[in-house]
Amino acid sequence: LDSVIDDETKYNIQKKRAKKFRSIYTKLSALTTR
């Protein structure tokens, strides 16, 4: 469980960055471990 920041702008930036990193590791894993 992680903290959900109250500031909507900060939350959306955090969500966008997390989505980007998740997309990268998913694509790289599809070429390697998955």
PDB file of all heavy atoms in Angstrom:
ATOM      1  N   LEU A   1       0.838  -1.199   0.000  1.00  0.00           N
ATOM      2  CA  LEU A   1       0.000   0.000   0.000  1.00  0.00           C
ATOM      3  C   LEU A   1       0.869   1.244   0.000  1.00  0.00           C
ATOM      4  O   LEU A   1       1.820   1.355   0.789  1.00  0.00           O
ATOM      5  CB  LEU A   1      -0.902   0.003   1.235  1.00  0.00           C
ATOM      6  CG  LEU A   1      -2.101  -0.957   1.194  1.00  0.00           C
ATOM      7  CD1 LEU A   1      -2.655  -1.155   2.600  1.00  0.00           C
ATOM      8  CD2 LEU A   1      -3.173  -0.448   0.253  1.00  0.00           C
ATOM      9  N   ASP A   2       0.538   2.180  -0.887  1.00  0.00           N
ATOM     10  CA  ASP A   2       1.281   3.432  -1.006  1.00  0.00           C
ATOM     11  C   ASP A   2       0.357   4.623  -0.784  1.00  0.00           C
ATOM     12  O   ASP A   2      -0.867   4.531  -0.949  1.00  0.00           O
ATOM     13  CB  ASP A   2       1.929   3.536  -2.386  1.00  0.00           C
ATOM     14  CG  ASP A   2       3.012   2.497  -2.603  1.00  0.00           C
ATOM     15  OD1 ASP A   2       3.922   2.411  -1.760  1.00  0.00           O
ATOM     16  OD2 ASP A   2       2.961   1.770  -3.608  1.00  0.00           O
ATOM     17  N   SER A   3       0.956   5.751  -0.444  1.00  0.00           N
ATOM     18  CA  SER A   3       0.194   6.981  -0.219  1.00  0.00           C
ATOM     19  C   SER A   3      -0.357   7.528  -1.529  1.00  0.00           C
ATOM     20  O   SER A   3       0.333   7.528  -2.553  1.00  0.00           O
ATOM     21  CB  SER A   3       1.087   8.044   0.428  1.00  0.00           C
ATOM     22  OG  SER A   3       1.495   7.638   1.720  1.00  0.00           O
ATOM     23  N   VAL A   4      -1.605   8.003  -1.478  1.00  0.00           N
ATOM     24  CA  VAL A   4      -2.225   8.674  -2.624  1.00  0.00           C
ATOM     25  C   VAL A   4      -2.209  10.166  -2.326  1.00  0.00           C
ATOM     26  O   VAL A   4      -2.916  10.638  -1.428  1.00  0.00           O
ATOM     27  CB  VAL A   4      -3.665   8.187  -2.842  1.00  0.00           C
ATOM     28  CG1 VAL A   4      -4.305   8.944  -4.016  1.00  0.00           C
ATOM     29  CG2 VAL A   4      -3.692   6.686  -3.113  1.00  0.00           C
ATOM     30  N   ILE A   5      -1.418  10.912  -3.071  1.00  0.00           N
ATOM     31  CA  ILE A   5      -1.266  12.340  -2.836  1.00  0.00           C
ATOM     32  C   ILE A   5      -2.576  13.069  -3.132  1.00  0.00           C
ATOM     33  O   ILE A   5      -3.285  12.735  -4.084  1.00  0.00           O
ATOM     34  CB  ILE A   5      -0.101  12.917  -3.691  1.00  0.00           C
ATOM     35  CG1 ILE A   5       0.285  14.308  -3.216  1.00  0.00           C
ATOM     36  CG2 ILE A   5      -0.428  12.890  -5.165  1.00  0.00           C
ATOM     37  CD1 ILE A   5       0.950  14.298  -1.853  1.00  0.00           C
ATOM     38  N   ASP A   6      -2.912  14.043  -2.293  1.00  0.00           N
ATOM     39  CA  ASP A   6      -4.172  14.767  -2.449  1.00  0.00           C
ATOM     40  C   ASP A   6      -4.160  15.700  -3.656  1.00  0.00           C
ATOM     41  O   ASP A   6      -5.208  15.938  -4.259  1.00  0.00           O
ATOM     42  CB  ASP A   6      -4.465  15.593  -1.185  1.00  0.00           C
ATOM     43  CG  ASP A   6      -4.633  14.707   0.041  1.00  0.00           C
ATOM     44  OD1 ASP A   6      -5.088  13.564  -0.132  1.00  0.00           O
ATOM     45  OD2 ASP A   6      -4.317  15.159   1.149  1.00  0.00           O
ATOM     46  N   ASP A   7      -2.999  16.220  -3.993  1.00  0.00           N
ATOM     47  CA  ASP A   7      -2.875  17.167  -5.103  1.00  0.00           C
ATOM     48  C   ASP A   7      -3.119  16.430  -6.427  1.00  0.00           C
ATOM     49  O   ASP A   7      -2.329  15.565  -6.824  1.00  0.00           O
ATOM     50  CB  ASP A   7      -1.475  17.786  -5.090  1.00  0.00           C
ATOM     51  CG  ASP A   7      -1.317  18.918  -6.086  1.00  0.00           C
ATOM     52  OD1 ASP A   7      -1.644  18.713  -7.274  1.00  0.00           O
ATOM     53  OD2 ASP A   7      -0.841  19.994  -5.680  1.00  0.00           O
ATOM     54  N   GLU A   8      -4.190  16.767  -7.131  1.00  0.00           N
ATOM     55  CA  GLU A   8      -4.571  16.069  -8.354  1.00  0.00           C
ATOM     56  C   GLU A   8      -3.526  16.219  -9.454  1.00  0.00           C
ATOM     57  O   GLU A   8      -3.274  15.279 -10.215  1.00  0.00           O
ATOM     58  CB  GLU A   8      -5.921  16.587  -8.853  1.00  0.00           C
ATOM     59  CG  GLU A   8      -6.582  15.701  -9.879  1.00  0.00           C
ATOM     60  CD  GLU A   8      -7.080  14.382  -9.309  1.00  0.00           C
ATOM     61  OE1 GLU A   8      -7.250  14.292  -8.075  1.00  0.00           O
ATOM     62  OE2 GLU A   8      -7.308  13.437 -10.094  1.00  0.00           O
ATOM     63  N   THR A   9      -2.908  17.391  -9.539  1.00  0.00           N
ATOM     64  CA  THR A   9      -1.868  17.605 -10.562  1.00  0.00           C
ATOM     65  C   THR A   9      -0.670  16.698 -10.303  1.00  0.00           C
ATOM     66  O   THR A   9      -0.158  16.039 -11.221  1.00  0.00           O
ATOM     67  CB  THR A   9      -1.416  19.072 -10.574  1.00  0.00           C
ATOM     68  OG1 THR A   9      -2.539  19.925 -10.868  1.00  0.00           O
ATOM     69  CG2 THR A   9      -0.333  19.294 -11.628  1.00  0.00           C
ATOM     70  N   LYS A  10      -0.211  16.648  -9.062  1.00  0.00           N
ATOM     71  CA  LYS A  10       0.915  15.779  -8.715  1.00  0.00           C
ATOM     72  C   LYS A  10       0.563  14.315  -8.947  1.00  0.00           C
ATOM     73  O   LYS A  10       1.391  13.531  -9.421  1.00  0.00           O
ATOM     74  CB  LYS A  10       1.323  15.998  -7.257  1.00  0.00           C
ATOM     75  CG  LYS A  10       1.998  17.342  -6.991  1.00  0.00           C
ATOM     76  CD  LYS A  10       2.417  17.443  -5.536  1.00  0.00           C
ATOM     77  CE  LYS A  10       3.130  18.768  -5.272  1.00  0.00           C
ATOM     78  NZ  LYS A  10       3.531  18.888  -3.832  1.00  0.00           N
ATOM     79  N   TYR A  11      -0.683  13.956  -8.604  1.00  0.00           N
ATOM     80  CA  TYR A  11      -1.110  12.574  -8.793  1.00  0.00           C
ATOM     81  C   TYR A  11      -1.087  12.186 -10.264  1.00  0.00           C
ATOM     82  O   TYR A  11      -0.624  11.093 -10.624  1.00  0.00           O
ATOM     83  CB  TYR A  11      -2.516  12.377  -8.219  1.00  0.00           C
ATOM     84  CG  TYR A  11      -3.080  11.002  -8.479  1.00  0.00           C
ATOM     85  CD1 TYR A  11      -2.685   9.899  -7.727  1.00  0.00           C
ATOM     86  CD2 TYR A  11      -3.997  10.792  -9.515  1.00  0.00           C
ATOM     87  CE1 TYR A  11      -3.192   8.635  -7.965  1.00  0.00           C
ATOM     88  CE2 TYR A  11      -4.508   9.528  -9.766  1.00  0.00           C
ATOM     89  CZ  TYR A  11      -4.105   8.459  -8.992  1.00  0.00           C
ATOM     90  OH  TYR A  11      -4.598   7.200  -9.252  1.00  0.00           O
ATOM     91  N   ASN A  12      -1.569  13.052 -11.127  1.00  0.00           N
ATOM     92  CA  ASN A  12      -1.609  12.743 -12.559  1.00  0.00           C
ATOM     93  C   ASN A  12      -0.203  12.648 -13.153  1.00  0.00           C
ATOM     94  O   ASN A  12       0.048  11.815 -14.029  1.00  0.00           O
ATOM     95  CB  ASN A  12      -2.434  13.800 -13.304  1.00  0.00           C
ATOM     96  CG  ASN A  12      -3.924  13.645 -13.065  1.00  0.00           C
ATOM     97  OD1 ASN A  12      -4.408  12.537 -12.860  1.00  0.00           O
ATOM     98  ND2 ASN A  12      -4.651  14.749 -13.064  1.00  0.00           N
ATOM     99  N   ILE A  13       0.711  13.479 -12.664  1.00  0.00           N
ATOM    100  CA  ILE A  13       2.106  13.390 -13.125  1.00  0.00           C
ATOM    101  C   ILE A  13       2.718  12.076 -12.669  1.00  0.00           C
ATOM    102  O   ILE A  13       3.397  11.379 -13.427  1.00  0.00           O
ATOM    103  CB  ILE A  13       2.928  14.591 -12.606  1.00  0.00           C
ATOM    104  CG1 ILE A  13       2.440  15.890 -13.259  1.00  0.00           C
ATOM    105  CG2 ILE A  13       4.426  14.378 -12.875  1.00  0.00           C
ATOM    106  CD1 ILE A  13       3.066  17.144 -12.675  1.00  0.00           C
ATOM    107  N   GLN A  14       2.481  11.718 -11.405  1.00  0.00           N
ATOM    108  CA  GLN A  14       2.974  10.449 -10.859  1.00  0.00           C
ATOM    109  C   GLN A  14       2.415   9.275 -11.656  1.00  0.00           C
ATOM    110  O   GLN A  14       3.144   8.336 -12.009  1.00  0.00           O
ATOM    111  CB  GLN A  14       2.575  10.342  -9.393  1.00  0.00           C
ATOM    112  CG  GLN A  14       3.026   9.055  -8.711  1.00  0.00           C
ATOM    113  CD  GLN A  14       2.343   8.855  -7.368  1.00  0.00           C
ATOM    114  OE1 GLN A  14       1.289   9.443  -7.101  1.00  0.00           O
ATOM    115  NE2 GLN A  14       2.942   8.027  -6.517  1.00  0.00           N
ATOM    116  N   LYS A  15       1.123   9.306 -11.929  1.00  0.00           N
ATOM    117  CA  LYS A  15       0.475   8.226 -12.681  1.00  0.00           C
ATOM    118  C   LYS A  15       1.068   8.102 -14.080  1.00  0.00           C
ATOM    119  O   LYS A  15       1.329   6.982 -14.560  1.00  0.00           O
ATOM    120  CB  LYS A  15      -1.025   8.497 -12.769  1.00  0.00           C
ATOM    121  CG  LYS A  15      -1.800   7.462 -13.562  1.00  0.00           C
ATOM    122  CD  LYS A  15      -3.300   7.727 -13.497  1.00  0.00           C
ATOM    123  CE  LYS A  15      -3.677   8.981 -14.242  1.00  0.00           C
ATOM    124  NZ  LYS A  15      -5.152   9.156 -14.310  1.00  0.00           N
ATOM    125  N   LYS A  16       1.314   9.227 -14.729  1.00  0.00           N
ATOM    126  CA  LYS A  16       1.869   9.215 -16.082  1.00  0.00           C
ATOM    127  C   LYS A  16       3.269   8.610 -16.096  1.00  0.00           C
ATOM    128  O   LYS A  16       3.611   7.800 -16.966  1.00  0.00           O
ATOM    129  CB  LYS A  16       1.898  10.639 -16.645  1.00  0.00           C
ATOM    130  CG  LYS A  16       2.391  10.734 -18.080  1.00  0.00           C
ATOM    131  CD  LYS A  16       2.334  12.171 -18.582  1.00  0.00           C
ATOM    132  CE  LYS A  16       2.831  12.266 -20.018  1.00  0.00           C
ATOM    133  NZ  LYS A  16       2.768  13.670 -20.505  1.00  0.00           N
ATOM    134  N   ARG A  17       4.093   8.988 -15.113  1.00  0.00           N
ATOM    135  CA  ARG A  17       5.458   8.461 -15.047  1.00  0.00           C
ATOM    136  C   ARG A  17       5.454   6.973 -14.710  1.00  0.00           C
ATOM    137  O   ARG A  17       6.212   6.192 -15.295  1.00  0.00           O
ATOM    138  CB  ARG A  17       6.272   9.250 -14.016  1.00  0.00           C
ATOM    139  CG  ARG A  17       6.688  10.637 -14.493  1.00  0.00           C
ATOM    140  CD  ARG A  17       7.391  11.413 -13.379  1.00  0.00           C
ATOM    141  NE  ARG A  17       8.527  10.687 -12.845  1.00  0.00           N
ATOM    142  CZ  ARG A  17       9.742  10.672 -13.404  1.00  0.00           C
ATOM    143  NH1 ARG A  17       9.971  11.332 -14.542  1.00  0.00           N
ATOM    144  NH2 ARG A  17      10.732  10.020 -12.838  1.00  0.00           N
ATOM    145  N   ALA A  18       4.603   6.573 -13.775  1.00  0.00           N
ATOM    146  CA  ALA A  18       4.511   5.156 -13.416  1.00  0.00           C
ATOM    147  C   ALA A  18       4.063   4.334 -14.618  1.00  0.00           C
ATOM    148  O   ALA A  18       4.590   3.240 -14.877  1.00  0.00           O
ATOM    149  CB  ALA A  18       3.533   4.974 -12.256  1.00  0.00           C
ATOM    150  N   LYS A  19       3.105   4.838 -15.365  1.00  0.00           N
ATOM    151  CA  LYS A  19       2.609   4.144 -16.556  1.00  0.00           C
ATOM    152  C   LYS A  19       3.713   3.997 -17.601  1.00  0.00           C
ATOM    153  O   LYS A  19       3.840   2.957 -18.257  1.00  0.00           O
ATOM    154  CB  LYS A  19       1.425   4.909 -17.144  1.00  0.00           C
ATOM    155  CG  LYS A  19       0.740   4.200 -18.298  1.00  0.00           C
ATOM    156  CD  LYS A  19      -0.481   4.980 -18.764  1.00  0.00           C
ATOM    157  CE  LYS A  19      -1.175   4.271 -19.919  1.00  0.00           C
ATOM    158  NZ  LYS A  19      -2.373   5.026 -20.380  1.00  0.00           N
ATOM    159  N   LYS A  20       4.545   5.031 -17.735  1.00  0.00           N
ATOM    160  CA  LYS A  20       5.648   4.987 -18.696  1.00  0.00           C
ATOM    161  C   LYS A  20       6.657   3.907 -18.324  1.00  0.00           C
ATOM    162  O   LYS A  20       7.040   3.085 -19.172  1.00  0.00           O
ATOM    163  CB  LYS A  20       6.355   6.345 -18.755  1.00  0.00           C
ATOM    164  CG  LYS A  20       7.545   6.371 -19.724  1.00  0.00           C
ATOM    165  CD  LYS A  20       8.305   7.687 -19.655  1.00  0.00           C
ATOM    166  CE  LYS A  20       9.115   7.796 -18.381  1.00  0.00           C
ATOM    167  NZ  LYS A  20      10.016   8.979 -18.384  1.00  0.00           N
ATOM    168  N   PHE A  21       7.067   3.866 -17.054  1.00  0.00           N
ATOM    169  CA  PHE A  21       8.046   2.865 -16.626  1.00  0.00           C
ATOM    170  C   PHE A  21       7.467   1.456 -16.722  1.00  0.00           C
ATOM    171  O   PHE A  21       8.167   0.513 -17.105  1.00  0.00           O
ATOM    172  CB  PHE A  21       8.507   3.153 -15.198  1.00  0.00           C
ATOM    173  CG  PHE A  21       9.342   4.395 -15.068  1.00  0.00           C
ATOM    174  CD1 PHE A  21       9.094   5.318 -14.062  1.00  0.00           C
ATOM    175  CD2 PHE A  21      10.371   4.646 -15.958  1.00  0.00           C
ATOM    176  CE1 PHE A  21       9.859   6.469 -13.942  1.00  0.00           C
ATOM    177  CE2 PHE A  21      11.152   5.799 -15.843  1.00  0.00           C
ATOM    178  CZ  PHE A  21      10.888   6.714 -14.836  1.00  0.00           C
ATOM    179  N   ARG A  22       6.182   1.323 -16.387  1.00  0.00           N
ATOM    180  CA  ARG A  22       5.554   0.006 -16.485  1.00  0.00           C
ATOM    181  C   ARG A  22       5.500  -0.457 -17.938  1.00  0.00           C
ATOM    182  O   ARG A  22       5.733  -1.639 -18.239  1.00  0.00           O
ATOM    183  CB  ARG A  22       4.147   0.039 -15.896  1.00  0.00           C
ATOM    184  CG  ARG A  22       3.491  -1.330 -15.877  1.00  0.00           C
ATOM    185  CD  ARG A  22       2.294  -1.371 -14.945  1.00  0.00           C
ATOM    186  NE  ARG A  22       1.943  -2.742 -14.619  1.00  0.00           N
ATOM    187  CZ  ARG A  22       1.383  -3.134 -13.497  1.00  0.00           C
ATOM    188  NH1 ARG A  22       1.113  -2.250 -12.562  1.00  0.00           N
ATOM    189  NH2 ARG A  22       1.090  -4.399 -13.277  1.00  0.00           N
ATOM    190  N   SER A  23       5.219   0.444 -18.838  1.00  0.00           N
ATOM    191  CA  SER A  23       5.166   0.100 -20.258  1.00  0.00           C
ATOM    192  C   SER A  23       6.535  -0.343 -20.765  1.00  0.00           C
ATOM    193  O   SER A  23       6.652  -1.321 -21.509  1.00  0.00           O
ATOM    194  CB  SER A  23       4.669   1.298 -21.064  1.00  0.00           C
ATOM    195  OG  SER A  23       4.693   1.019 -22.444  1.00  0.00           O
ATOM    196  N   ILE A  24       7.586   0.349 -20.335  1.00  0.00           N
ATOM    197  CA  ILE A  24       8.944   0.016 -20.788  1.00  0.00           C
ATOM    198  C   ILE A  24       9.339  -1.380 -20.301  1.00  0.00           C
ATOM    199  O   ILE A  24       9.819  -2.216 -21.068  1.00  0.00           O
ATOM    200  CB  ILE A  24       9.963   1.062 -20.299  1.00  0.00           C
ATOM    201  CG1 ILE A  24       9.716   2.399 -21.001  1.00  0.00           C
ATOM    202  CG2 ILE A  24      11.398   0.582 -20.575  1.00  0.00           C
ATOM    203  CD1 ILE A  24      10.559   3.531 -20.461  1.00  0.00           C
ATOM    204  N   TYR A  25       9.149  -1.638 -18.987  1.00  0.00           N
ATOM    205  CA  TYR A  25       9.599  -2.938 -18.479  1.00  0.00           C
ATOM    206  C   TYR A  25       8.750  -4.076 -19.026  1.00  0.00           C
ATOM    207  O   TYR A  25       9.250  -5.188 -19.208  1.00  0.00           O
ATOM    208  CB  TYR A  25       9.701  -2.951 -16.954  1.00  0.00           C
ATOM    209  CG  TYR A  25       8.455  -3.175 -16.147  1.00  0.00           C
ATOM    210  CD1 TYR A  25       7.758  -4.389 -16.174  1.00  0.00           C
ATOM    211  CD2 TYR A  25       7.990  -2.193 -15.277  1.00  0.00           C
ATOM    212  CE1 TYR A  25       6.634  -4.598 -15.401  1.00  0.00           C
ATOM    213  CE2 TYR A  25       6.860  -2.400 -14.496  1.00  0.00           C
ATOM    214  CZ  TYR A  25       6.188  -3.603 -14.570  1.00  0.00           C
ATOM    215  OH  TYR A  25       5.080  -3.809 -13.797  1.00  0.00           O
ATOM    216  N   THR A  26       7.478  -3.809 -19.315  1.00  0.00           N
ATOM    217  CA  THR A  26       6.635  -4.854 -19.899  1.00  0.00           C
ATOM    218  C   THR A  26       7.114  -5.211 -21.301  1.00  0.00           C
ATOM    219  O   THR A  26       7.200  -6.394 -21.670  1.00  0.00           O
ATOM    220  CB  THR A  26       5.170  -4.395 -19.950  1.00  0.00           C
ATOM    221  OG1 THR A  26       4.715  -4.136 -18.608  1.00  0.00           O
ATOM    222  CG2 THR A  26       4.287  -5.472 -20.563  1.00  0.00           C
ATOM    223  N   LYS A  27       7.454  -4.193 -22.092  1.00  0.00           N
ATOM    224  CA  LYS A  27       7.925  -4.431 -23.465  1.00  0.00           C
ATOM    225  C   LYS A  27       9.282  -5.131 -23.464  1.00  0.00           C
ATOM    226  O   LYS A  27       9.528  -6.037 -24.265  1.00  0.00           O
ATOM    227  CB  LYS A  27       8.004  -3.111 -24.222  1.00  0.00           C
ATOM    228  CG  LYS A  27       6.637  -2.523 -24.538  1.00  0.00           C
ATOM    229  CD  LYS A  27       6.751  -1.157 -25.198  1.00  0.00           C
ATOM    230  CE  LYS A  27       5.369  -0.575 -25.498  1.00  0.00           C
ATOM    231  NZ  LYS A  27       5.441   0.789 -26.058  1.00  0.00           N
ATOM    232  N   LEU A  28      10.183  -4.703 -22.566  1.00  0.00           N
ATOM    233  CA  LEU A  28      11.498  -5.344 -22.491  1.00  0.00           C
ATOM    234  C   LEU A  28      11.380  -6.789 -22.014  1.00  0.00           C
ATOM    235  O   LEU A  28      12.083  -7.674 -22.495  1.00  0.00           O
ATOM    236  CB  LEU A  28      12.412  -4.551 -21.554  1.00  0.00           C
ATOM    237  CG  LEU A  28      12.866  -3.183 -22.051  1.00  0.00           C
ATOM    238  CD1 LEU A  28      13.699  -2.472 -20.982  1.00  0.00           C
ATOM    239  CD2 LEU A  28      13.677  -3.297 -23.337  1.00  0.00           C
ATOM    240  N   SER A  29      10.479  -7.027 -21.084  1.00  0.00           N
ATOM    241  CA  SER A  29      10.295  -8.390 -20.582  1.00  0.00           C
ATOM    242  C   SER A  29       9.731  -9.312 -21.657  1.00  0.00           C
ATOM    243  O   SER A  29      10.036 -10.503 -21.690  1.00  0.00           O
ATOM    244  CB  SER A  29       9.352  -8.380 -19.374  1.00  0.00           C
ATOM    245  OG  SER A  29       9.956  -7.702 -18.290  1.00  0.00           O
ATOM    246  N   ALA A  30       8.903  -8.760 -22.529  1.00  0.00           N
ATOM    247  CA  ALA A  30       8.345  -9.568 -23.616  1.00  0.00           C
ATOM    248  C   ALA A  30       9.445 -10.057 -24.563  1.00  0.00           C
ATOM    249  O   ALA A  30       9.286 -11.066 -25.249  1.00  0.00           O
ATOM    250  CB  ALA A  30       7.321  -8.756 -24.399  1.00  0.00           C
ATOM    251  N   LEU A  31      10.560  -9.347 -24.569  1.00  0.00           N
ATOM    252  CA  LEU A  31      11.687  -9.739 -25.421  1.00  0.00           C
ATOM    253  C   LEU A  31      12.705 -10.593 -24.674  1.00  0.00           C
ATOM    254  O   LEU A  31      13.605 -11.159 -25.293  1.00  0.00           O
ATOM    255  CB  LEU A  31      12.383  -8.484 -25.960  1.00  0.00           C
ATOM    256  CG  LEU A  31      11.542  -7.589 -26.878  1.00  0.00           C
ATOM    257  CD1 LEU A  31      12.272  -6.288 -27.154  1.00  0.00           C
ATOM    258  CD2 LEU A  31      11.210  -8.300 -28.178  1.00  0.00           C
ATOM    259  N   THR A  32      12.558 -10.676 -23.361  1.00  0.00           N
ATOM    260  CA  THR A  32      13.567 -11.397 -22.562  1.00  0.00           C
ATOM    261  C   THR A  32      12.913 -12.439 -21.663  1.00  0.00           C
ATOM    262  O   THR A  32      12.679 -13.563 -22.083  1.00  0.00           O
ATOM    263  CB  THR A  32      14.378 -10.387 -21.715  1.00  0.00           C
ATOM    264  OG1 THR A  32      13.468  -9.591 -20.932  1.00  0.00           O
ATOM    265  CG2 THR A  32      15.213  -9.470 -22.589  1.00  0.00           C
ATOM    266  N   THR A  33      12.560 -12.057 -20.426  1.00  0.00           N
ATOM    267  CA  THR A  33      12.099 -13.030 -19.437  1.00  0.00           C
ATOM    268  C   THR A  33      10.696 -13.563 -19.715  1.00  0.00           C
ATOM    269  O   THR A  33      10.343 -14.647 -19.247  1.00  0.00           O
ATOM    270  CB  THR A  33      12.113 -12.402 -18.030  1.00  0.00           C
ATOM    271  OG1 THR A  33      11.351 -11.186 -18.055  1.00  0.00           O
ATOM    272  CG2 THR A  33      13.543 -12.091 -17.617  1.00  0.00           C
ATOM    273  N   ARG A  34       9.868 -12.818 -20.426  1.00  0.00           N
ATOM    274  CA  ARG A  34       8.509 -13.288 -20.743  1.00  0.00           C
ATOM    275  C   ARG A  34       8.390 -13.681 -22.221  1.00  0.00           C
ATOM    276  O   ARG A  34       7.284 -13.828 -22.746  1.00  0.00           O
ATOM    277  CB  ARG A  34       7.475 -12.211 -20.408  1.00  0.00           C
ATOM    278  CG  ARG A  34       7.192 -12.112 -18.929  1.00  0.00           C
ATOM    279  CD  ARG A  34       6.204 -11.003 -18.641  1.00  0.00           C
ATOM    280  NE  ARG A  34       4.838 -11.340 -19.005  1.00  0.00           N
ATOM    281  CZ  ARG A  34       3.956 -11.892 -18.179  1.00  0.00           C
ATOM    282  NH1 ARG A  34       4.298 -12.202 -16.946  1.00  0.00           N
ATOM    283  NH2 ARG A  34       2.727 -12.135 -18.568  1.00  0.00           N
TER     284      ARG A  34
END
